[in-house]
Amino acid sequence: LVLTYLAVAAYYVALHVVASRFFDYHTLVP
């Protein structure tokens, strides 16, 4: 579970950085 959660967190941050950069989506936490 911890390993999966760390992988999820890495994808979460990466996807939000991409969304912020290219789609003007500036919310990591709603």
Full PDB file with SEQRES, HELIX, SHEET, SSBOND, CRYST1, ORIGX, SCALE, CONECT and MASTER records, all heavy atoms in Angstrom:
SEQRES   1 A   30  LEU VAL LEU THR TYR LEU ALA VAL ALA ALA TYR TYR VAL          
SEQRES   2 A   30  ALA LEU HIS VAL VAL ALA SER ARG PHE PHE ASP TYR HIS          
SEQRES   3 A   30  THR LEU VAL PRO                                              
HELIX    1 AA1 VAL A    2  PHE A   23  1                                  22    
CRYST1    1.000    1.000    1.000  90.00  90.00  90.00 P 1           1          
ORIGX1      1.000000  0.000000  0.000000        0.00000                         
ORIGX2      0.000000  1.000000  0.000000        0.00000                         
ORIGX3      0.000000  0.000000  1.000000        0.00000                         
SCALE1      1.000000  0.000000  0.000000        0.00000                         
SCALE2      0.000000  1.000000  0.000000        0.00000                         
SCALE3      0.000000  0.000000  1.000000        0.00000                         
ATOM      1  N   LEU A   1       0.828  -1.201   0.000  1.00  0.00           N  
ATOM      2  CA  LEU A   1       0.000   0.000   0.000  1.00  0.00           C  
ATOM      3  C   LEU A   1       0.866   1.255   0.000  1.00  0.00           C  
ATOM      4  O   LEU A   1       0.610   2.187  -0.756  1.00  0.00           O  
ATOM      5  CB  LEU A   1      -0.934   0.024   1.211  1.00  0.00           C  
ATOM      6  CG  LEU A   1      -1.720   1.320   1.396  1.00  0.00           C  
ATOM      7  CD1 LEU A   1      -2.748   1.487   0.293  1.00  0.00           C  
ATOM      8  CD2 LEU A   1      -2.366   1.367   2.760  1.00  0.00           C  
ATOM      9  N   VAL A   2       1.896   1.269   0.806  1.00  0.00           N  
ATOM     10  CA  VAL A   2       2.788   2.428   0.874  1.00  0.00           C  
ATOM     11  C   VAL A   2       3.481   2.649  -0.466  1.00  0.00           C  
ATOM     12  O   VAL A   2       3.552   3.775  -0.966  1.00  0.00           O  
ATOM     13  CB  VAL A   2       3.817   2.270   2.022  1.00  0.00           C  
ATOM     14  CG1 VAL A   2       4.885   3.343   1.963  1.00  0.00           C  
ATOM     15  CG2 VAL A   2       3.113   2.299   3.370  1.00  0.00           C  
ATOM     16  N   LEU A   3       3.973   1.581  -1.076  1.00  0.00           N  
ATOM     17  CA  LEU A   3       4.606   1.709  -2.392  1.00  0.00           C  
ATOM     18  C   LEU A   3       3.632   2.233  -3.439  1.00  0.00           C  
ATOM     19  O   LEU A   3       3.962   3.116  -4.230  1.00  0.00           O  
ATOM     20  CB  LEU A   3       5.161   0.355  -2.848  1.00  0.00           C  
ATOM     21  CG  LEU A   3       6.444  -0.121  -2.182  1.00  0.00           C  
ATOM     22  CD1 LEU A   3       6.770  -1.538  -2.633  1.00  0.00           C  
ATOM     23  CD2 LEU A   3       7.580   0.817  -2.507  1.00  0.00           C  
ATOM     24  N   THR A   4       2.429   1.692  -3.428  1.00  0.00           N  
ATOM     25  CA  THR A   4       1.418   2.151  -4.380  1.00  0.00           C  
ATOM     26  C   THR A   4       1.073   3.608  -4.132  1.00  0.00           C  
ATOM     27  O   THR A   4       0.958   4.391  -5.072  1.00  0.00           O  
ATOM     28  CB  THR A   4       0.148   1.281  -4.283  1.00  0.00           C  
ATOM     29  OG1 THR A   4       0.506  -0.081  -4.508  1.00  0.00           O  
ATOM     30  CG2 THR A   4      -0.896   1.701  -5.290  1.00  0.00           C  
ATOM     31  N   TYR A   5       0.936   3.987  -2.876  1.00  0.00           N  
ATOM     32  CA  TYR A   5       0.577   5.370  -2.555  1.00  0.00           C  
ATOM     33  C   TYR A   5       1.681   6.333  -2.977  1.00  0.00           C  
ATOM     34  O   TYR A   5       1.396   7.438  -3.457  1.00  0.00           O  
ATOM     35  CB  TYR A   5       0.274   5.517  -1.064  1.00  0.00           C  
ATOM     36  CG  TYR A   5      -0.656   6.669  -0.810  1.00  0.00           C  
ATOM     37  CD1 TYR A   5      -2.025   6.489  -0.855  1.00  0.00           C  
ATOM     38  CD2 TYR A   5      -0.172   7.944  -0.574  1.00  0.00           C  
ATOM     39  CE1 TYR A   5      -2.891   7.542  -0.658  1.00  0.00           C  
ATOM     40  CE2 TYR A   5      -1.028   9.008  -0.382  1.00  0.00           C  
ATOM     41  CZ  TYR A   5      -2.386   8.796  -0.423  1.00  0.00           C  
ATOM     42  OH  TYR A   5      -3.235   9.854  -0.246  1.00  0.00           O  
ATOM     43  N   LEU A   6       2.929   5.934  -2.821  1.00  0.00           N  
ATOM     44  CA  LEU A   6       4.042   6.783  -3.279  1.00  0.00           C  
ATOM     45  C   LEU A   6       4.018   6.936  -4.801  1.00  0.00           C  
ATOM     46  O   LEU A   6       4.252   8.029  -5.323  1.00  0.00           O  
ATOM     47  CB  LEU A   6       5.378   6.209  -2.810  1.00  0.00           C  
ATOM     48  CG  LEU A   6       5.641   6.315  -1.312  1.00  0.00           C  
ATOM     49  CD1 LEU A   6       6.918   5.558  -0.953  1.00  0.00           C  
ATOM     50  CD2 LEU A   6       5.725   7.761  -0.862  1.00  0.00           C  
ATOM     51  N   ALA A   7       3.730   5.852  -5.507  1.00  0.00           N  
ATOM     52  CA  ALA A   7       3.614   5.930  -6.970  1.00  0.00           C  
ATOM     53  C   ALA A   7       2.446   6.826  -7.371  1.00  0.00           C  
ATOM     54  O   ALA A   7       2.567   7.646  -8.287  1.00  0.00           O  
ATOM     55  CB  ALA A   7       3.447   4.531  -7.561  1.00  0.00           C  
ATOM     56  N   VAL A   8       1.324   6.688  -6.675  1.00  0.00           N  
ATOM     57  CA  VAL A   8       0.161   7.532  -6.949  1.00  0.00           C  
ATOM     58  C   VAL A   8       0.516   8.998  -6.723  1.00  0.00           C  
ATOM     59  O   VAL A   8       0.175   9.863  -7.539  1.00  0.00           O  
ATOM     60  CB  VAL A   8      -1.039   7.114  -6.066  1.00  0.00           C  
ATOM     61  CG1 VAL A   8      -2.150   8.156  -6.110  1.00  0.00           C  
ATOM     62  CG2 VAL A   8      -1.559   5.751  -6.489  1.00  0.00           C  
ATOM     63  N   ALA A   9       1.202   9.293  -5.633  1.00  0.00           N  
ATOM     64  CA  ALA A   9       1.587  10.675  -5.326  1.00  0.00           C  
ATOM     65  C   ALA A   9       2.500  11.247  -6.411  1.00  0.00           C  
ATOM     66  O   ALA A   9       2.353  12.414  -6.803  1.00  0.00           O  
ATOM     67  CB  ALA A   9       2.267  10.744  -3.969  1.00  0.00           C  
ATOM     68  N   ALA A  10       3.417  10.443  -6.906  1.00  0.00           N  
ATOM     69  CA  ALA A  10       4.319  10.910  -7.967  1.00  0.00           C  
ATOM     70  C   ALA A  10       3.530  11.231  -9.239  1.00  0.00           C  
ATOM     71  O   ALA A  10       3.746  12.287  -9.858  1.00  0.00           O  
ATOM     72  CB  ALA A  10       5.384   9.850  -8.251  1.00  0.00           C  
ATOM     73  N   TYR A  11       2.626  10.345  -9.622  1.00  0.00           N  
ATOM     74  CA  TYR A  11       1.789  10.611 -10.799  1.00  0.00           C  
ATOM     75  C   TYR A  11       0.892  11.826 -10.567  1.00  0.00           C  
ATOM     76  O   TYR A  11       0.678  12.628 -11.467  1.00  0.00           O  
ATOM     77  CB  TYR A  11       0.927   9.396 -11.151  1.00  0.00           C  
ATOM     78  CG  TYR A  11       1.669   8.336 -11.928  1.00  0.00           C  
ATOM     79  CD1 TYR A  11       1.978   7.107 -11.350  1.00  0.00           C  
ATOM     80  CD2 TYR A  11       2.053   8.560 -13.239  1.00  0.00           C  
ATOM     81  CE1 TYR A  11       2.650   6.131 -12.066  1.00  0.00           C  
ATOM     82  CE2 TYR A  11       2.732   7.596 -13.963  1.00  0.00           C  
ATOM     83  CZ  TYR A  11       3.030   6.382 -13.372  1.00  0.00           C  
ATOM     84  OH  TYR A  11       3.699   5.425 -14.083  1.00  0.00           O  
ATOM     85  N   TYR A  12       0.354  11.951  -9.371  1.00  0.00           N  
ATOM     86  CA  TYR A  12      -0.540  13.058  -9.038  1.00  0.00           C  
ATOM     87  C   TYR A  12       0.157  14.398  -9.239  1.00  0.00           C  
ATOM     88  O   TYR A  12      -0.363  15.285  -9.901  1.00  0.00           O  
ATOM     89  CB  TYR A  12      -1.005  12.900  -7.583  1.00  0.00           C  
ATOM     90  CG  TYR A  12      -1.968  13.953  -7.114  1.00  0.00           C  
ATOM     91  CD1 TYR A  12      -3.316  13.857  -7.422  1.00  0.00           C  
ATOM     92  CD2 TYR A  12      -1.547  15.026  -6.344  1.00  0.00           C  
ATOM     93  CE1 TYR A  12      -4.222  14.816  -6.982  1.00  0.00           C  
ATOM     94  CE2 TYR A  12      -2.440  15.989  -5.900  1.00  0.00           C  
ATOM     95  CZ  TYR A  12      -3.771  15.872  -6.215  1.00  0.00           C  
ATOM     96  OH  TYR A  12      -4.654  16.827  -5.787  1.00  0.00           O  
ATOM     97  N   VAL A  13       1.338  14.516  -8.686  1.00  0.00           N  
ATOM     98  CA  VAL A  13       2.084  15.776  -8.818  1.00  0.00           C  
ATOM     99  C   VAL A  13       2.468  16.009 -10.277  1.00  0.00           C  
ATOM    100  O   VAL A  13       2.306  17.116 -10.804  1.00  0.00           O  
ATOM    101  CB  VAL A  13       3.320  15.774  -7.897  1.00  0.00           C  
ATOM    102  CG1 VAL A  13       4.226  16.958  -8.186  1.00  0.00           C  
ATOM    103  CG2 VAL A  13       2.890  15.793  -6.441  1.00  0.00           C  
ATOM    104  N   ALA A  14       2.963  14.988 -10.954  1.00  0.00           N  
ATOM    105  CA  ALA A  14       3.378  15.142 -12.352  1.00  0.00           C  
ATOM    106  C   ALA A  14       2.207  15.556 -13.242  1.00  0.00           C  
ATOM    107  O   ALA A  14       2.342  16.470 -14.067  1.00  0.00           O  
ATOM    108  CB  ALA A  14       3.992  13.835 -12.857  1.00  0.00           C  
ATOM    109  N   LEU A  15       1.071  14.909 -13.082  1.00  0.00           N  
ATOM    110  CA  LEU A  15      -0.101  15.256 -13.901  1.00  0.00           C  
ATOM    111  C   LEU A  15      -0.582  16.676 -13.615  1.00  0.00           C  
ATOM    112  O   LEU A  15      -0.976  17.396 -14.527  1.00  0.00           O  
ATOM    113  CB  LEU A  15      -1.231  14.264 -13.655  1.00  0.00           C  
ATOM    114  CG  LEU A  15      -1.041  12.874 -14.263  1.00  0.00           C  
ATOM    115  CD1 LEU A  15      -2.125  11.929 -13.773  1.00  0.00           C  
ATOM    116  CD2 LEU A  15      -1.055  12.953 -15.777  1.00  0.00           C  
ATOM    117  N   HIS A  16      -0.535  17.084 -12.360  1.00  0.00           N  
ATOM    118  CA  HIS A  16      -0.973  18.434 -12.027  1.00  0.00           C  
ATOM    119  C   HIS A  16       0.008  19.491 -12.527  1.00  0.00           C  
ATOM    120  O   HIS A  16      -0.404  20.585 -12.909  1.00  0.00           O  
ATOM    121  CB  HIS A  16      -1.222  18.560 -10.528  1.00  0.00           C  
ATOM    122  CG  HIS A  16      -2.545  18.027 -10.115  1.00  0.00           C  
ATOM    123  ND1 HIS A  16      -2.801  16.677 -10.046  1.00  0.00           N  
ATOM    124  CD2 HIS A  16      -3.697  18.641  -9.788  1.00  0.00           C  
ATOM    125  CE1 HIS A  16      -4.050  16.497  -9.671  1.00  0.00           C  
ATOM    126  NE2 HIS A  16      -4.615  17.673  -9.510  1.00  0.00           N  
ATOM    127  N   VAL A  17       1.285  19.179 -12.532  1.00  0.00           N  
ATOM    128  CA  VAL A  17       2.263  20.121 -13.083  1.00  0.00           C  
ATOM    129  C   VAL A  17       2.029  20.300 -14.578  1.00  0.00           C  
ATOM    130  O   VAL A  17       2.038  21.420 -15.097  1.00  0.00           O  
ATOM    131  CB  VAL A  17       3.711  19.641 -12.801  1.00  0.00           C  
ATOM    132  CG1 VAL A  17       4.719  20.400 -13.625  1.00  0.00           C  
ATOM    133  CG2 VAL A  17       4.021  19.783 -11.314  1.00  0.00           C  
ATOM    134  N   VAL A  18       1.793  19.200 -15.293  1.00  0.00           N  
ATOM    135  CA  VAL A  18       1.507  19.275 -16.735  1.00  0.00           C  
ATOM    136  C   VAL A  18       0.217  20.056 -16.978  1.00  0.00           C  
ATOM    137  O   VAL A  18       0.165  20.931 -17.847  1.00  0.00           O  
ATOM    138  CB  VAL A  18       1.426  17.864 -17.353  1.00  0.00           C  
ATOM    139  CG1 VAL A  18       0.879  17.913 -18.768  1.00  0.00           C  
ATOM    140  CG2 VAL A  18       2.802  17.205 -17.330  1.00  0.00           C  
ATOM    141  N   ALA A  19      -0.820  19.749 -16.201  1.00  0.00           N  
ATOM    142  CA  ALA A  19      -2.096  20.458 -16.360  1.00  0.00           C  
ATOM    143  C   ALA A  19      -1.930  21.947 -16.064  1.00  0.00           C  
ATOM    144  O   ALA A  19      -2.517  22.788 -16.745  1.00  0.00           O  
ATOM    145  CB  ALA A  19      -3.155  19.853 -15.454  1.00  0.00           C  
ATOM    146  N   SER A  20      -1.127  22.261 -15.089  1.00  0.00           N  
ATOM    147  CA  SER A  20      -0.889  23.660 -14.741  1.00  0.00           C  
ATOM    148  C   SER A  20      -0.132  24.372 -15.855  1.00  0.00           C  
ATOM    149  O   SER A  20      -0.449  25.506 -16.220  1.00  0.00           O  
ATOM    150  CB  SER A  20      -0.089  23.740 -13.439  1.00  0.00           C  
ATOM    151  OG  SER A  20       0.251  25.061 -13.146  1.00  0.00           O  
ATOM    152  N   ARG A  21       0.839  23.712 -16.415  1.00  0.00           N  
ATOM    153  CA  ARG A  21       1.688  24.322 -17.444  1.00  0.00           C  
ATOM    154  C   ARG A  21       0.951  24.526 -18.764  1.00  0.00           C  
ATOM    155  O   ARG A  21       1.031  25.577 -19.373  1.00  0.00           O  
ATOM    156  CB  ARG A  21       2.924  23.444 -17.666  1.00  0.00           C  
ATOM    157  CG  ARG A  21       3.824  23.879 -18.784  1.00  0.00           C  
ATOM    158  CD  ARG A  21       4.557  25.171 -18.441  1.00  0.00           C  
ATOM    159  NE  ARG A  21       5.477  25.516 -19.493  1.00  0.00           N  
ATOM    160  CZ  ARG A  21       5.263  26.479 -20.375  1.00  0.00           C  
ATOM    161  NH1 ARG A  21       4.184  27.203 -20.317  1.00  0.00           N  
ATOM    162  NH2 ARG A  21       6.152  26.743 -21.299  1.00  0.00           N  
ATOM    163  N   PHE A  22       0.228  23.507 -19.210  1.00  0.00           N  
ATOM    164  CA  PHE A  22      -0.336  23.548 -20.551  1.00  0.00           C  
ATOM    165  C   PHE A  22      -1.828  23.912 -20.617  1.00  0.00           C  
ATOM    166  O   PHE A  22      -2.312  24.339 -21.653  1.00  0.00           O  
ATOM    167  CB  PHE A  22      -0.116  22.214 -21.261  1.00  0.00           C  
ATOM    168  CG  PHE A  22       1.328  21.925 -21.519  1.00  0.00           C  
ATOM    169  CD1 PHE A  22       1.992  20.953 -20.792  1.00  0.00           C  
ATOM    170  CD2 PHE A  22       2.024  22.647 -22.466  1.00  0.00           C  
ATOM    171  CE1 PHE A  22       3.337  20.690 -21.029  1.00  0.00           C  
ATOM    172  CE2 PHE A  22       3.370  22.394 -22.708  1.00  0.00           C  
ATOM    173  CZ  PHE A  22       4.024  21.415 -21.986  1.00  0.00           C  
ATOM    174  N   PHE A  23      -2.545  23.720 -19.533  1.00  0.00           N  
ATOM    175  CA  PHE A  23      -3.990  23.924 -19.594  1.00  0.00           C  
ATOM    176  C   PHE A  23      -4.501  24.980 -18.631  1.00  0.00           C  
ATOM    177  O   PHE A  23      -5.693  25.086 -18.400  1.00  0.00           O  
ATOM    178  CB  PHE A  23      -4.726  22.602 -19.340  1.00  0.00           C  
ATOM    179  CG  PHE A  23      -4.337  21.533 -20.305  1.00  0.00           C  
ATOM    180  CD1 PHE A  23      -3.562  20.465 -19.902  1.00  0.00           C  
ATOM    181  CD2 PHE A  23      -4.736  21.609 -21.635  1.00  0.00           C  
ATOM    182  CE1 PHE A  23      -3.196  19.475 -20.794  1.00  0.00           C  
ATOM    183  CE2 PHE A  23      -4.376  20.620 -22.532  1.00  0.00           C  
ATOM    184  CZ  PHE A  23      -3.597  19.550 -22.115  1.00  0.00           C  
ATOM    185  N   ASP A  24      -3.607  25.730 -18.023  1.00  0.00           N  
ATOM    186  CA  ASP A  24      -4.004  26.801 -17.117  1.00  0.00           C  
ATOM    187  C   ASP A  24      -4.840  26.281 -15.949  1.00  0.00           C  
ATOM    188  O   ASP A  24      -5.777  26.929 -15.496  1.00  0.00           O  
ATOM    189  CB  ASP A  24      -4.797  27.869 -17.894  1.00  0.00           C  
ATOM    190  CG  ASP A  24      -4.298  29.258 -17.565  1.00  0.00           C  
ATOM    191  OD1 ASP A  24      -3.198  29.376 -16.989  1.00  0.00           O  
ATOM    192  OD2 ASP A  24      -5.018  30.224 -17.881  1.00  0.00           O  
ATOM    193  N   TYR A  25      -4.506  25.095 -15.480  1.00  0.00           N  
ATOM    194  CA  TYR A  25      -5.192  24.473 -14.342  1.00  0.00           C  
ATOM    195  C   TYR A  25      -4.275  24.603 -13.145  1.00  0.00           C  
ATOM    196  O   TYR A  25      -3.285  23.894 -13.035  1.00  0.00           O  
ATOM    197  CB  TYR A  25      -5.490  23.009 -14.660  1.00  0.00           C  
ATOM    198  CG  TYR A  25      -6.163  22.265 -13.537  1.00  0.00           C  
ATOM    199  CD1 TYR A  25      -7.519  22.446 -13.288  1.00  0.00           C  
ATOM    200  CD2 TYR A  25      -5.458  21.394 -12.725  1.00  0.00           C  
ATOM    201  CE1 TYR A  25      -8.149  21.767 -12.258  1.00  0.00           C  
ATOM    202  CE2 TYR A  25      -6.069  20.715 -11.701  1.00  0.00           C  
ATOM    203  CZ  TYR A  25      -7.408  20.906 -11.469  1.00  0.00           C  
ATOM    204  OH  TYR A  25      -8.035  20.239 -10.455  1.00  0.00           O  
ATOM    205  N   HIS A  26      -4.577  25.514 -12.236  1.00  0.00           N  
ATOM    206  CA  HIS A  26      -3.658  25.832 -11.142  1.00  0.00           C  
ATOM    207  C   HIS A  26      -4.175  25.377  -9.787  1.00  0.00           C  
ATOM    208  O   HIS A  26      -4.149  26.117  -8.820  1.00  0.00           O  
ATOM    209  CB  HIS A  26      -3.384  27.335 -11.124  1.00  0.00           C  
ATOM    210  CG  HIS A  26      -2.762  27.827 -12.377  1.00  0.00           C  
ATOM    211  ND1 HIS A  26      -1.498  27.487 -12.781  1.00  0.00           N  
ATOM    212  CD2 HIS A  26      -3.251  28.614 -13.370  1.00  0.00           C  
ATOM    213  CE1 HIS A  26      -1.219  28.045 -13.933  1.00  0.00           C  
ATOM    214  NE2 HIS A  26      -2.265  28.736 -14.319  1.00  0.00           N  
ATOM    215  N   THR A  27      -4.641  24.152  -9.716  1.00  0.00           N  
ATOM    216  CA  THR A  27      -5.175  23.638  -8.465  1.00  0.00           C  
ATOM    217  C   THR A  27      -4.594  22.251  -8.201  1.00  0.00           C  
ATOM    218  O   THR A  27      -4.922  21.294  -8.884  1.00  0.00           O  
ATOM    219  CB  THR A  27      -6.717  23.549  -8.530  1.00  0.00           C  
ATOM    220  OG1 THR A  27      -7.215  24.827  -8.849  1.00  0.00           O  
ATOM    221  CG2 THR A  27      -7.290  23.116  -7.222  1.00  0.00           C  
ATOM    222  N   LEU A  28      -3.743  22.149  -7.197  1.00  0.00           N  
ATOM    223  CA  LEU A  28      -3.232  20.847  -6.795  1.00  0.00           C  
ATOM    224  C   LEU A  28      -4.226  20.221  -5.818  1.00  0.00           C  
ATOM    225  O   LEU A  28      -4.530  19.043  -5.881  1.00  0.00           O  
ATOM    226  CB  LEU A  28      -1.855  20.980  -6.144  1.00  0.00           C  
ATOM    227  CG  LEU A  28      -1.100  19.702  -5.854  1.00  0.00           C  
ATOM    228  CD1 LEU A  28      -0.890  18.892  -7.129  1.00  0.00           C  
ATOM    229  CD2 LEU A  28       0.229  19.994  -5.208  1.00  0.00           C  
ATOM    230  N   VAL A  29      -4.747  21.029  -4.925  1.00  0.00           N  
ATOM    231  CA  VAL A  29      -5.805  20.629  -4.007  1.00  0.00           C  
ATOM    232  C   VAL A  29      -6.979  21.546  -4.296  1.00  0.00           C  
ATOM    233  O   VAL A  29      -6.798  22.767  -4.292  1.00  0.00           O  
ATOM    234  CB  VAL A  29      -5.356  20.775  -2.532  1.00  0.00           C  
ATOM    235  CG1 VAL A  29      -6.484  20.450  -1.591  1.00  0.00           C  
ATOM    236  CG2 VAL A  29      -4.140  19.912  -2.240  1.00  0.00           C  
ATOM    237  N   PRO A  30      -8.178  21.007  -4.590  1.00  0.00           N  
ATOM    238  CA  PRO A  30      -9.310  21.891  -4.902  1.00  0.00           C  
ATOM    239  C   PRO A  30      -9.506  22.933  -3.805  1.00  0.00           C  
ATOM    240  O   PRO A  30      -9.498  22.633  -2.637  1.00  0.00           O  
ATOM    241  CB  PRO A  30     -10.492  20.935  -4.968  1.00  0.00           C  
ATOM    242  CG  PRO A  30      -9.881  19.644  -5.389  1.00  0.00           C  
ATOM    243  CD  PRO A  30      -8.532  19.601  -4.705  1.00  0.00           C  
TER     244      PRO A  30                                                      
MASTER        0    0    0    1    0    0    0    6  243    1    0    3          
END                                                                             
